[in-house]
Amino acid sequence: MNEATCTFCRKFYDMRERRWYDKEVYRDRNFALIPGVGPFGEGYFILLTLHHYRSFATIPDAMWTELLSFKRTARTMVESVFGSAMFFEHGPGPKTRGGSCIDHAHWHVMPLVRDLVATLRSEYLFKPIELLGLRQLTENSYLFIEDENSHGFAAIADSVPGQYIRRVIAHLEGRDDEWDYAAYPRYEIIQSTLQRLSDRRYVE
């Protein structure tokens, strides 16, 4: 996948396919925070690079200081309205996709799902990792998750089903068949998420 065929690049670089819900609620030079399609509840966002990189493991070293600052602000923004948050990524490698549907660096940001980290760690060999440690995973597909305390864990995952972590979340939420964001876009929850974020800003 490259810039010409990447869904996110077409939305946020040349804007050919931007929709009403592709609203940048926060951005800087290289990153944006947007509502996520297929939320399980209010407060689901995507943190993505504005230019095309396969995964966060592959972004240039010079961008990491900016990314870490952007991520801290994004966490604060989400948590101020929706409560404790977590991050996760399906990081595609050069040969396999690691459960990714869009091979463009993006983290899912959403309110905490209880038992998610424990469930994932029971299925794959997740090891504690600092964010900068993702740079060592460029040759493999990987799964990454960060809990509400900003503790990160990663596992090599060269062969996992598409949207794997969303499948696990759907199971934990008692909605086993509703993991696919394309089949269950839940636009009404995106609208209410944006409204709550807007109301908070208005009050402030």
N, C-alpha and C. Protein backbone atom coordinates (compact mmCIF):
# COMPACT_ATOMS: atom_id res chain seq x y z
N MET A 1 0.84 -1.19 0.00
CA MET A 1 0.00 0.00 0.00
C MET A 1 0.88 1.24 0.00
N ASN A 2 0.49 2.27 -0.76
CA ASN A 2 1.23 3.52 -0.79
C ASN A 2 0.26 4.69 -0.72
N GLU A 3 0.80 5.90 -0.87
CA GLU A 3 -0.04 7.09 -0.72
C GLU A 3 -1.22 7.10 -1.68
N ALA A 4 -1.02 6.58 -2.87
CA ALA A 4 -2.07 6.63 -3.88
C ALA A 4 -3.25 5.73 -3.54
N THR A 5 -3.01 4.65 -2.82
CA THR A 5 -4.07 3.70 -2.52
C THR A 5 -4.49 3.71 -1.05
N CYS A 6 -3.77 4.41 -0.20
CA CYS A 6 -4.03 4.39 1.24
C CYS A 6 -5.29 5.21 1.57
N THR A 7 -6.19 4.60 2.32
CA THR A 7 -7.43 5.27 2.71
C THR A 7 -7.17 6.55 3.49
N PHE A 8 -6.28 6.50 4.46
CA PHE A 8 -6.01 7.68 5.27
C PHE A 8 -5.34 8.78 4.46
N CYS A 9 -4.43 8.42 3.57
CA CYS A 9 -3.78 9.44 2.75
C CYS A 9 -4.80 10.15 1.87
N ARG A 10 -5.73 9.40 1.31
CA ARG A 10 -6.73 10.03 0.45
C ARG A 10 -7.64 10.95 1.24
N LYS A 11 -7.83 10.66 2.52
CA LYS A 11 -8.68 11.51 3.36
C LYS A 11 -7.96 12.74 3.88
N PHE A 12 -6.72 12.56 4.32
CA PHE A 12 -6.07 13.60 5.10
C PHE A 12 -4.87 14.25 4.44
N TYR A 13 -4.43 13.72 3.30
CA TYR A 13 -3.33 14.36 2.59
C TYR A 13 -3.85 15.12 1.38
N ASP A 14 -4.61 14.43 0.51
CA ASP A 14 -5.16 15.16 -0.63
C ASP A 14 -6.67 15.41 -0.49
N MET A 15 -7.27 14.84 0.56
CA MET A 15 -8.66 15.13 0.96
C MET A 15 -9.71 14.73 -0.08
N ARG A 16 -9.39 13.82 -0.96
CA ARG A 16 -10.36 13.43 -1.99
C ARG A 16 -11.56 12.69 -1.41
N GLU A 17 -11.37 11.98 -0.31
CA GLU A 17 -12.45 11.13 0.19
C GLU A 17 -12.85 11.48 1.63
N ARG A 18 -12.65 12.72 2.00
CA ARG A 18 -13.00 13.11 3.36
C ARG A 18 -14.52 13.14 3.53
N ARG A 19 -14.99 12.59 4.68
CA ARG A 19 -16.41 12.57 5.00
C ARG A 19 -16.67 13.45 6.22
N TRP A 20 -17.94 13.62 6.58
CA TRP A 20 -18.29 14.53 7.67
C TRP A 20 -17.63 14.11 8.99
N TYR A 21 -17.44 12.82 9.17
CA TYR A 21 -16.90 12.33 10.43
C TYR A 21 -15.37 12.36 10.46
N ASP A 22 -14.74 12.69 9.34
CA ASP A 22 -13.28 12.78 9.29
C ASP A 22 -12.85 14.16 9.79
N LYS A 23 -13.21 14.45 11.00
CA LYS A 23 -13.00 15.76 11.59
C LYS A 23 -11.76 15.74 12.48
N GLU A 24 -10.81 16.59 12.19
CA GLU A 24 -9.60 16.66 12.99
C GLU A 24 -9.92 17.44 14.27
N VAL A 25 -10.03 16.73 15.38
CA VAL A 25 -10.34 17.41 16.63
C VAL A 25 -9.09 18.01 17.27
N TYR A 26 -7.94 17.56 16.80
CA TYR A 26 -6.65 18.11 17.25
C TYR A 26 -5.62 17.71 16.23
N ARG A 27 -4.71 18.62 15.88
CA ARG A 27 -3.66 18.30 14.92
C ARG A 27 -2.47 19.21 15.12
N ASP A 28 -1.33 18.76 14.62
CA ASP A 28 -0.17 19.62 14.50
C ASP A 28 0.46 19.35 13.14
N ARG A 29 1.75 19.55 13.00
CA ARG A 29 2.36 19.45 11.68
C ARG A 29 2.33 18.05 11.10
N ASN A 30 2.47 17.03 11.94
CA ASN A 30 2.62 15.66 11.44
C ASN A 30 1.57 14.66 11.91
N PHE A 31 0.70 15.06 12.84
CA PHE A 31 -0.25 14.10 13.42
C PHE A 31 -1.63 14.72 13.56
N ALA A 32 -2.64 13.86 13.60
CA ALA A 32 -4.01 14.33 13.81
C ALA A 32 -4.75 13.33 14.67
N LEU A 33 -5.72 13.83 15.41
CA LEU A 33 -6.64 13.00 16.19
C LEU A 33 -8.02 13.18 15.58
N ILE A 34 -8.64 12.07 15.20
CA ILE A 34 -9.94 12.10 14.54
C ILE A 34 -10.88 11.10 15.22
N PRO A 35 -12.20 11.24 15.05
CA PRO A 35 -13.10 10.21 15.58
C PRO A 35 -12.87 8.89 14.86
N GLY A 36 -13.01 7.80 15.59
CA GLY A 36 -12.89 6.47 15.00
C GLY A 36 -14.24 5.96 14.54
N VAL A 37 -14.26 5.33 13.37
CA VAL A 37 -15.48 4.69 12.87
C VAL A 37 -15.63 3.34 13.57
N GLY A 38 -16.85 3.00 13.90
CA GLY A 38 -17.11 1.74 14.58
C GLY A 38 -16.86 1.77 16.07
N PRO A 39 -17.20 2.86 16.75
CA PRO A 39 -16.96 2.93 18.20
C PRO A 39 -17.84 1.93 18.95
N PHE A 40 -17.31 1.41 20.03
CA PHE A 40 -18.12 0.56 20.91
C PHE A 40 -18.91 1.43 21.89
N GLY A 41 -18.46 2.66 22.06
CA GLY A 41 -19.13 3.64 22.91
C GLY A 41 -18.50 4.99 22.64
N GLU A 42 -18.97 6.00 23.32
CA GLU A 42 -18.43 7.34 23.10
C GLU A 42 -16.96 7.42 23.52
N GLY A 43 -16.21 8.26 22.81
CA GLY A 43 -14.82 8.49 23.18
C GLY A 43 -13.80 7.69 22.40
N TYR A 44 -14.18 7.21 21.21
CA TYR A 44 -13.28 6.40 20.39
C TYR A 44 -12.65 7.28 19.31
N PHE A 45 -11.30 7.31 19.27
CA PHE A 45 -10.58 8.17 18.34
C PHE A 45 -9.45 7.40 17.66
N ILE A 46 -8.94 8.00 16.60
CA ILE A 46 -7.77 7.48 15.90
C ILE A 46 -6.70 8.58 15.89
N LEU A 47 -5.49 8.22 16.31
CA LEU A 47 -4.34 9.12 16.24
C LEU A 47 -3.48 8.64 15.08
N LEU A 48 -3.33 9.47 14.05
CA LEU A 48 -2.65 9.02 12.85
C LEU A 48 -1.59 10.01 12.38
N THR A 49 -0.66 9.51 11.58
CA THR A 49 0.31 10.37 10.93
C THR A 49 -0.36 11.01 9.72
N LEU A 50 -0.03 12.27 9.44
CA LEU A 50 -0.62 12.95 8.30
C LEU A 50 0.05 12.57 6.98
N HIS A 51 1.27 12.08 7.06
CA HIS A 51 1.95 11.56 5.87
C HIS A 51 2.08 10.04 6.02
N HIS A 52 2.37 9.39 4.93
CA HIS A 52 2.26 7.93 4.91
C HIS A 52 3.49 7.24 5.51
N TYR A 53 3.24 6.51 6.59
CA TYR A 53 4.20 5.57 7.17
C TYR A 53 3.43 4.29 7.46
N ARG A 54 4.10 3.17 7.31
CA ARG A 54 3.41 1.88 7.45
C ARG A 54 2.90 1.64 8.86
N SER A 55 3.68 2.03 9.86
CA SER A 55 3.32 1.83 11.26
C SER A 55 4.09 2.85 12.08
N PHE A 56 3.79 2.95 13.36
CA PHE A 56 4.56 3.87 14.20
C PHE A 56 5.99 3.39 14.39
N ALA A 57 6.24 2.11 14.20
CA ALA A 57 7.61 1.61 14.28
C ALA A 57 8.49 2.22 13.18
N THR A 58 7.88 2.67 12.09
CA THR A 58 8.65 3.10 10.92
C THR A 58 8.74 4.62 10.75
N ILE A 59 8.15 5.39 11.67
CA ILE A 59 8.24 6.84 11.49
C ILE A 59 9.67 7.31 11.77
N PRO A 60 10.10 8.42 11.16
CA PRO A 60 11.48 8.89 11.37
C PRO A 60 11.76 9.22 12.83
N ASP A 61 12.99 8.98 13.24
CA ASP A 61 13.39 9.28 14.62
C ASP A 61 13.12 10.73 14.98
N ALA A 62 13.27 11.63 14.01
CA ALA A 62 13.11 13.05 14.28
C ALA A 62 11.68 13.43 14.65
N MET A 63 10.71 12.54 14.39
CA MET A 63 9.32 12.84 14.68
C MET A 63 8.88 12.38 16.06
N TRP A 64 9.73 11.64 16.78
CA TRP A 64 9.28 11.02 18.01
C TRP A 64 9.01 12.02 19.13
N THR A 65 9.81 13.04 19.25
CA THR A 65 9.55 14.04 20.30
C THR A 65 8.20 14.69 20.09
N GLU A 66 7.91 15.05 18.84
CA GLU A 66 6.61 15.63 18.52
C GLU A 66 5.49 14.65 18.79
N LEU A 67 5.69 13.38 18.41
CA LEU A 67 4.66 12.36 18.62
C LEU A 67 4.35 12.18 20.10
N LEU A 68 5.37 12.08 20.92
CA LEU A 68 5.14 11.85 22.35
C LEU A 68 4.39 13.03 22.97
N SER A 69 4.71 14.24 22.55
CA SER A 69 3.99 15.41 23.04
C SER A 69 2.54 15.39 22.56
N PHE A 70 2.34 15.07 21.30
CA PHE A 70 0.99 15.02 20.73
C PHE A 70 0.16 13.96 21.45
N LYS A 71 0.77 12.81 21.70
CA LYS A 71 0.05 11.72 22.36
C LYS A 71 -0.37 12.09 23.77
N ARG A 72 0.50 12.76 24.51
CA ARG A 72 0.15 13.20 25.86
C ARG A 72 -1.07 14.13 25.83
N THR A 73 -1.06 15.06 24.89
CA THR A 73 -2.18 15.99 24.77
C THR A 73 -3.45 15.25 24.37
N ALA A 74 -3.33 14.30 23.45
CA ALA A 74 -4.50 13.53 23.02
C ALA A 74 -5.08 12.73 24.18
N ARG A 75 -4.22 12.11 24.98
CA ARG A 75 -4.71 11.35 26.14
C ARG A 75 -5.44 12.27 27.10
N THR A 76 -4.86 13.42 27.39
CA THR A 76 -5.49 14.37 28.31
C THR A 76 -6.84 14.81 27.78
N MET A 77 -6.92 15.08 26.49
CA MET A 77 -8.16 15.53 25.88
C MET A 77 -9.25 14.46 26.00
N VAL A 78 -8.91 13.24 25.67
CA VAL A 78 -9.90 12.15 25.72
C VAL A 78 -10.30 11.88 27.17
N GLU A 79 -9.34 11.81 28.06
CA GLU A 79 -9.65 11.46 29.45
C GLU A 79 -10.43 12.56 30.16
N SER A 80 -10.26 13.81 29.75
CA SER A 80 -10.98 14.90 30.40
C SER A 80 -12.48 14.81 30.17
N VAL A 81 -12.89 14.11 29.12
CA VAL A 81 -14.32 13.99 28.79
C VAL A 81 -14.85 12.58 29.01
N PHE A 82 -14.04 11.58 28.65
CA PHE A 82 -14.56 10.22 28.58
C PHE A 82 -13.96 9.25 29.60
N GLY A 83 -13.05 9.72 30.46
CA GLY A 83 -12.48 8.84 31.48
C GLY A 83 -11.20 8.17 31.01
N SER A 84 -10.68 7.29 31.85
CA SER A 84 -9.39 6.63 31.59
C SER A 84 -9.35 6.03 30.20
N ALA A 85 -8.21 6.22 29.53
CA ALA A 85 -8.09 5.81 28.13
C ALA A 85 -6.97 4.82 27.93
N MET A 86 -7.05 4.10 26.82
CA MET A 86 -5.99 3.18 26.40
C MET A 86 -5.72 3.40 24.92
N PHE A 87 -4.56 2.93 24.48
CA PHE A 87 -4.15 3.03 23.08
C PHE A 87 -3.85 1.61 22.58
N PHE A 88 -4.10 1.38 21.29
CA PHE A 88 -3.60 0.13 20.71
C PHE A 88 -3.33 0.30 19.23
N GLU A 89 -2.49 -0.60 18.71
CA GLU A 89 -2.11 -0.56 17.29
C GLU A 89 -1.92 -1.98 16.78
N HIS A 90 -2.39 -2.22 15.55
CA HIS A 90 -1.97 -3.37 14.76
C HIS A 90 -0.87 -2.84 13.85
N GLY A 91 0.36 -3.18 14.11
CA GLY A 91 1.48 -2.65 13.34
C GLY A 91 1.86 -3.59 12.21
N PRO A 92 1.53 -3.26 10.97
CA PRO A 92 1.88 -4.15 9.86
C PRO A 92 3.37 -4.15 9.58
N GLY A 93 3.89 -5.31 9.24
CA GLY A 93 5.29 -5.45 8.88
C GLY A 93 5.47 -5.38 7.38
N PRO A 94 6.70 -5.61 6.91
CA PRO A 94 6.95 -5.53 5.47
C PRO A 94 6.31 -6.65 4.66
N LYS A 95 5.99 -7.77 5.30
CA LYS A 95 5.43 -8.91 4.56
C LYS A 95 4.05 -9.33 5.03
N THR A 96 3.69 -9.04 6.27
CA THR A 96 2.38 -9.42 6.81
C THR A 96 1.72 -8.20 7.42
N ARG A 97 0.42 -8.32 7.72
CA ARG A 97 -0.34 -7.14 8.11
C ARG A 97 -0.61 -7.05 9.61
N GLY A 98 -0.41 -8.11 10.35
CA GLY A 98 -0.59 -8.05 11.80
C GLY A 98 -1.99 -7.65 12.23
N GLY A 99 -2.98 -8.01 11.43
CA GLY A 99 -4.36 -7.68 11.77
C GLY A 99 -4.79 -6.29 11.34
N SER A 100 -3.89 -5.56 10.69
CA SER A 100 -4.22 -4.20 10.27
C SER A 100 -5.12 -4.21 9.04
N CYS A 101 -6.07 -3.27 9.00
CA CYS A 101 -6.92 -3.10 7.82
C CYS A 101 -6.41 -1.98 6.93
N ILE A 102 -5.75 -0.99 7.53
CA ILE A 102 -5.20 0.14 6.79
C ILE A 102 -3.73 0.25 7.17
N ASP A 103 -2.86 0.02 6.20
CA ASP A 103 -1.42 0.01 6.48
C ASP A 103 -0.87 1.44 6.46
N HIS A 104 -1.32 2.20 7.43
CA HIS A 104 -0.90 3.59 7.63
C HIS A 104 -0.85 3.78 9.14
N ALA A 105 0.23 4.33 9.65
CA ALA A 105 0.44 4.40 11.09
C ALA A 105 -0.74 5.06 11.79
N HIS A 106 -1.39 4.32 12.67
CA HIS A 106 -2.48 4.89 13.47
C HIS A 106 -2.66 4.10 14.75
N TRP A 107 -2.90 4.85 15.83
CA TRP A 107 -3.25 4.26 17.12
C TRP A 107 -4.73 4.46 17.35
N HIS A 108 -5.37 3.43 17.87
CA HIS A 108 -6.74 3.53 18.35
C HIS A 108 -6.68 4.08 19.78
N VAL A 109 -7.53 5.03 20.08
CA VAL A 109 -7.58 5.65 21.42
C VAL A 109 -9.02 5.54 21.89
N MET A 110 -9.24 4.94 23.04
CA MET A 110 -10.61 4.74 23.49
C MET A 110 -10.67 4.57 25.00
N PRO A 111 -11.85 4.77 25.59
CA PRO A 111 -11.98 4.54 27.03
C PRO A 111 -11.58 3.12 27.40
N LEU A 112 -11.08 2.99 28.59
CA LEU A 112 -10.55 1.73 29.10
C LEU A 112 -11.56 0.60 28.98
N VAL A 113 -11.08 -0.55 28.48
CA VAL A 113 -11.86 -1.79 28.47
C VAL A 113 -11.25 -2.71 29.52
N ARG A 114 -12.00 -2.99 30.55
CA ARG A 114 -11.49 -3.82 31.64
C ARG A 114 -11.09 -5.21 31.12
N ASP A 115 -9.99 -5.70 31.62
CA ASP A 115 -9.48 -7.04 31.33
C ASP A 115 -8.90 -7.18 29.92
N LEU A 116 -8.86 -6.11 29.13
CA LEU A 116 -8.34 -6.26 27.76
C LEU A 116 -6.87 -6.62 27.76
N VAL A 117 -6.06 -5.90 28.54
CA VAL A 117 -4.63 -6.19 28.55
C VAL A 117 -4.37 -7.61 29.03
N ALA A 118 -5.04 -8.01 30.09
CA ALA A 118 -4.84 -9.37 30.62
C ALA A 118 -5.26 -10.42 29.60
N THR A 119 -6.36 -10.18 28.89
CA THR A 119 -6.83 -11.15 27.89
C THR A 119 -5.84 -11.26 26.74
N LEU A 120 -5.35 -10.13 26.25
CA LEU A 120 -4.39 -10.15 25.16
C LEU A 120 -3.10 -10.85 25.58
N ARG A 121 -2.65 -10.58 26.80
CA ARG A 121 -1.40 -11.17 27.26
C ARG A 121 -1.53 -12.67 27.50
N SER A 122 -2.75 -13.15 27.66
CA SER A 122 -2.96 -14.59 27.79
C SER A 122 -2.92 -15.29 26.43
N GLU A 123 -3.09 -14.53 25.35
CA GLU A 123 -3.13 -15.11 24.00
C GLU A 123 -1.79 -14.99 23.27
N TYR A 124 -1.07 -13.90 23.52
CA TYR A 124 0.20 -13.65 22.83
C TYR A 124 1.26 -13.26 23.85
N LEU A 125 2.51 -13.41 23.43
CA LEU A 125 3.62 -13.12 24.32
C LEU A 125 3.91 -11.61 24.30
N PHE A 126 3.08 -10.86 25.01
CA PHE A 126 3.29 -9.43 25.13
C PHE A 126 4.38 -9.15 26.15
N LYS A 127 5.28 -8.26 25.79
CA LYS A 127 6.35 -7.86 26.69
C LYS A 127 6.24 -6.36 26.96
N PRO A 128 6.58 -5.94 28.19
CA PRO A 128 6.58 -4.51 28.46
C PRO A 128 7.52 -3.79 27.49
N ILE A 129 7.09 -2.59 27.07
CA ILE A 129 7.88 -1.86 26.09
C ILE A 129 7.69 -0.36 26.29
N GLU A 130 8.75 0.39 26.17
CA GLU A 130 8.66 1.84 26.08
C GLU A 130 8.27 2.18 24.64
N LEU A 131 7.58 3.30 24.46
CA LEU A 131 7.13 3.64 23.11
C LEU A 131 8.27 3.68 22.10
N LEU A 132 9.40 4.23 22.52
CA LEU A 132 10.54 4.30 21.60
C LEU A 132 11.04 2.91 21.20
N GLY A 133 10.70 1.92 21.99
CA GLY A 133 11.09 0.55 21.66
C GLY A 133 10.39 0.01 20.43
N LEU A 134 9.29 0.64 20.01
CA LEU A 134 8.61 0.20 18.80
C LEU A 134 9.53 0.29 17.58
N ARG A 135 10.54 1.15 17.65
CA ARG A 135 11.45 1.32 16.52
C ARG A 135 12.26 0.05 16.24
N GLN A 136 12.26 -0.87 17.19
CA GLN A 136 12.98 -2.14 17.00
C GLN A 136 12.12 -3.20 16.30
N LEU A 137 10.88 -2.85 15.96
CA LEU A 137 9.94 -3.85 15.43
C LEU A 137 9.62 -3.64 13.95
N THR A 138 10.51 -2.97 13.23
CA THR A 138 10.21 -2.64 11.84
C THR A 138 10.17 -3.86 10.91
N GLU A 139 10.79 -4.95 11.31
CA GLU A 139 10.87 -6.12 10.43
C GLU A 139 9.77 -7.14 10.68
N ASN A 140 8.89 -6.85 11.62
CA ASN A 140 7.79 -7.77 11.94
C ASN A 140 6.48 -7.01 12.04
N SER A 141 5.39 -7.74 11.89
CA SER A 141 4.10 -7.20 12.31
C SER A 141 4.02 -7.35 13.82
N TYR A 142 3.29 -6.44 14.45
CA TYR A 142 3.23 -6.47 15.91
C TYR A 142 1.87 -5.98 16.39
N LEU A 143 1.55 -6.32 17.61
CA LEU A 143 0.43 -5.77 18.34
C LEU A 143 0.98 -4.92 19.47
N PHE A 144 0.40 -3.74 19.65
CA PHE A 144 0.83 -2.85 20.73
C PHE A 144 -0.40 -2.38 21.49
N ILE A 145 -0.28 -2.34 22.81
CA ILE A 145 -1.35 -1.79 23.63
C ILE A 145 -0.73 -1.02 24.79
N GLU A 146 -1.36 0.09 25.13
CA GLU A 146 -0.94 0.89 26.28
C GLU A 146 -2.13 1.04 27.21
N ASP A 147 -1.95 0.74 28.49
CA ASP A 147 -3.06 0.76 29.42
C ASP A 147 -3.31 2.16 29.97
N GLU A 148 -4.23 2.26 30.92
CA GLU A 148 -4.63 3.56 31.45
C GLU A 148 -3.52 4.24 32.25
N ASN A 149 -2.49 3.48 32.62
CA ASN A 149 -1.36 4.04 33.36
C ASN A 149 -0.16 4.33 32.46
N SER A 150 -0.39 4.30 31.14
CA SER A 150 0.66 4.55 30.14
C SER A 150 1.74 3.48 30.15
N HIS A 151 1.38 2.27 30.59
CA HIS A 151 2.29 1.13 30.50
C HIS A 151 2.05 0.43 29.17
N GLY A 152 3.12 0.32 28.36
CA GLY A 152 2.98 -0.27 27.05
C GLY A 152 3.41 -1.73 27.00
N PHE A 153 2.78 -2.50 26.11
CA PHE A 153 3.11 -3.90 25.89
C PHE A 153 3.04 -4.18 24.40
N ALA A 154 3.96 -5.00 23.89
CA ALA A 154 3.97 -5.33 22.47
C ALA A 154 4.26 -6.81 22.29
N ALA A 155 3.73 -7.36 21.18
CA ALA A 155 3.95 -8.76 20.84
C ALA A 155 4.14 -8.87 19.34
N ILE A 156 5.08 -9.72 18.93
CA ILE A 156 5.22 -10.03 17.52
C ILE A 156 3.97 -10.80 17.10
N ALA A 157 3.38 -10.40 15.98
CA ALA A 157 2.11 -10.99 15.56
C ALA A 157 2.05 -11.02 14.04
N ASP A 158 2.82 -11.92 13.45
CA ASP A 158 2.87 -11.97 11.99
C ASP A 158 1.63 -12.61 11.37
N SER A 159 0.83 -13.29 12.18
CA SER A 159 -0.37 -13.92 11.64
C SER A 159 -1.50 -13.84 12.66
N VAL A 160 -2.33 -12.81 12.52
CA VAL A 160 -3.51 -12.65 13.38
C VAL A 160 -4.68 -12.25 12.49
N PRO A 161 -5.90 -12.51 12.91
CA PRO A 161 -7.06 -12.11 12.11
C PRO A 161 -7.16 -10.60 12.00
N GLY A 162 -7.78 -10.12 10.95
CA GLY A 162 -8.02 -8.70 10.80
C GLY A 162 -8.82 -8.15 11.97
N GLN A 163 -8.48 -6.93 12.38
CA GLN A 163 -9.14 -6.26 13.50
C GLN A 163 -9.14 -7.12 14.77
N TYR A 164 -8.03 -7.80 14.99
CA TYR A 164 -7.97 -8.76 16.09
C TYR A 164 -8.33 -8.14 17.44
N ILE A 165 -7.73 -6.98 17.76
CA ILE A 165 -7.98 -6.41 19.08
C ILE A 165 -9.43 -5.95 19.19
N ARG A 166 -10.00 -5.44 18.10
CA ARG A 166 -11.43 -5.11 18.13
C ARG A 166 -12.28 -6.36 18.35
N ARG A 167 -11.87 -7.48 17.82
CA ARG A 167 -12.61 -8.74 18.06
C ARG A 167 -12.59 -9.09 19.56
N VAL A 168 -11.43 -8.92 20.17
CA VAL A 168 -11.32 -9.23 21.61
C VAL A 168 -12.18 -8.26 22.42
N ILE A 169 -12.15 -6.97 22.06
CA ILE A 169 -12.98 -5.99 22.77
C ILE A 169 -14.45 -6.35 22.63
N ALA A 170 -14.88 -6.68 21.42
CA ALA A 170 -16.28 -7.04 21.20
C ALA A 170 -16.69 -8.21 22.08
N HIS A 171 -15.80 -9.19 22.21
CA HIS A 171 -16.09 -10.34 23.07
C HIS A 171 -16.22 -9.92 24.53
N LEU A 172 -15.29 -9.10 24.99
CA LEU A 172 -15.34 -8.65 26.39
C LEU A 172 -16.56 -7.78 26.67
N GLU A 173 -17.05 -7.10 25.64
CA GLU A 173 -18.22 -6.24 25.80
C GLU A 173 -19.52 -7.01 25.60
N GLY A 174 -19.42 -8.31 25.30
CA GLY A 174 -20.62 -9.12 25.09
C GLY A 174 -21.29 -8.89 23.76
N ARG A 175 -20.48 -8.46 22.75
CA ARG A 175 -21.01 -8.19 21.42
C ARG A 175 -20.12 -8.88 20.39
N ASP A 176 -20.02 -10.18 20.48
CA ASP A 176 -19.03 -10.94 19.71
C ASP A 176 -19.10 -10.70 18.21
N ASP A 177 -20.28 -10.45 17.67
CA ASP A 177 -20.43 -10.31 16.22
C ASP A 177 -20.28 -8.88 15.73
N GLU A 178 -19.95 -7.95 16.62
CA GLU A 178 -19.98 -6.53 16.24
C GLU A 178 -18.60 -5.89 16.23
N TRP A 179 -17.58 -6.66 15.88
CA TRP A 179 -16.22 -6.16 15.91
C TRP A 179 -15.83 -5.38 14.66
N ASP A 180 -16.51 -5.60 13.54
CA ASP A 180 -16.11 -5.02 12.26
C ASP A 180 -16.59 -3.57 12.14
N TYR A 181 -15.66 -2.63 12.09
CA TYR A 181 -16.06 -1.22 12.05
C TYR A 181 -16.83 -0.88 10.78
N ALA A 182 -16.56 -1.58 9.67
CA ALA A 182 -17.26 -1.30 8.42
C ALA A 182 -18.70 -1.77 8.48
N ALA A 183 -18.94 -2.89 9.14
CA ALA A 183 -20.30 -3.41 9.26
C ALA A 183 -21.10 -2.69 10.33
N TYR A 184 -20.41 -2.18 11.33
CA TYR A 184 -21.06 -1.47 12.45
C TYR A 184 -20.39 -0.11 12.65
N PRO A 185 -20.58 0.83 11.72
CA PRO A 185 -19.90 2.13 11.82
C PRO A 185 -20.38 3.00 12.97
N ARG A 186 -21.64 2.84 13.37
CA ARG A 186 -22.22 3.56 14.52
C ARG A 186 -21.99 5.07 14.43
N TYR A 187 -22.49 5.64 13.35
CA TYR A 187 -22.30 7.07 13.12
C TYR A 187 -22.96 7.91 14.21
N GLU A 188 -24.04 7.42 14.78
CA GLU A 188 -24.72 8.20 15.82
C GLU A 188 -23.83 8.37 17.05
N ILE A 189 -22.99 7.36 17.35
CA ILE A 189 -22.08 7.48 18.49
C ILE A 189 -20.94 8.44 18.15
N ILE A 190 -20.50 8.46 16.90
CA ILE A 190 -19.50 9.45 16.48
C ILE A 190 -20.06 10.85 16.69
N GLN A 191 -21.31 11.07 16.30
CA GLN A 191 -21.93 12.38 16.47
C GLN A 191 -21.99 12.79 17.94
N SER A 192 -22.39 11.86 18.80
CA SER A 192 -22.49 12.21 20.22
C SER A 192 -21.11 12.41 20.84
N THR A 193 -20.10 11.68 20.35
CA THR A 193 -18.73 11.89 20.82
C THR A 193 -18.26 13.30 20.48
N LEU A 194 -18.48 13.71 19.24
CA LEU A 194 -18.07 15.05 18.82
C LEU A 194 -18.83 16.12 19.59
N GLN A 195 -20.11 15.86 19.87
CA GLN A 195 -20.90 16.84 20.60
C GLN A 195 -20.40 16.99 22.03
N ARG A 196 -20.10 15.89 22.68
CA ARG A 196 -19.60 15.96 24.06
C ARG A 196 -18.25 16.68 24.11
N LEU A 197 -17.39 16.42 23.13
CA LEU A 197 -16.10 17.10 23.09
C LEU A 197 -16.30 18.59 22.86
N SER A 198 -17.22 18.94 21.98
CA SER A 198 -17.51 20.35 21.70
C SER A 198 -18.10 21.03 22.93
N ASP A 199 -19.00 20.36 23.63
CA ASP A 199 -19.61 20.95 24.82
C ASP A 199 -18.55 21.22 25.88
N ARG A 200 -17.61 20.32 26.04
CA ARG A 200 -16.56 20.48 27.03
C ARG A 200 -15.71 21.71 26.72
N ARG A 201 -15.38 21.86 25.43
CA ARG A 201 -14.57 23.00 25.03
C ARG A 201 -15.33 24.30 25.24
N TYR A 202 -16.62 24.27 24.98
CA TYR A 202 -17.43 25.48 25.13
C TYR A 202 -17.47 25.91 26.60
N VAL A 203 -17.62 24.94 27.48
CA VAL A 203 -17.65 25.24 28.91
C VAL A 203 -16.33 25.80 29.36
N GLU A 204 -15.24 25.22 28.87
CA GLU A 204 -13.91 25.69 29.27
C GLU A 204 -13.63 27.07 28.72
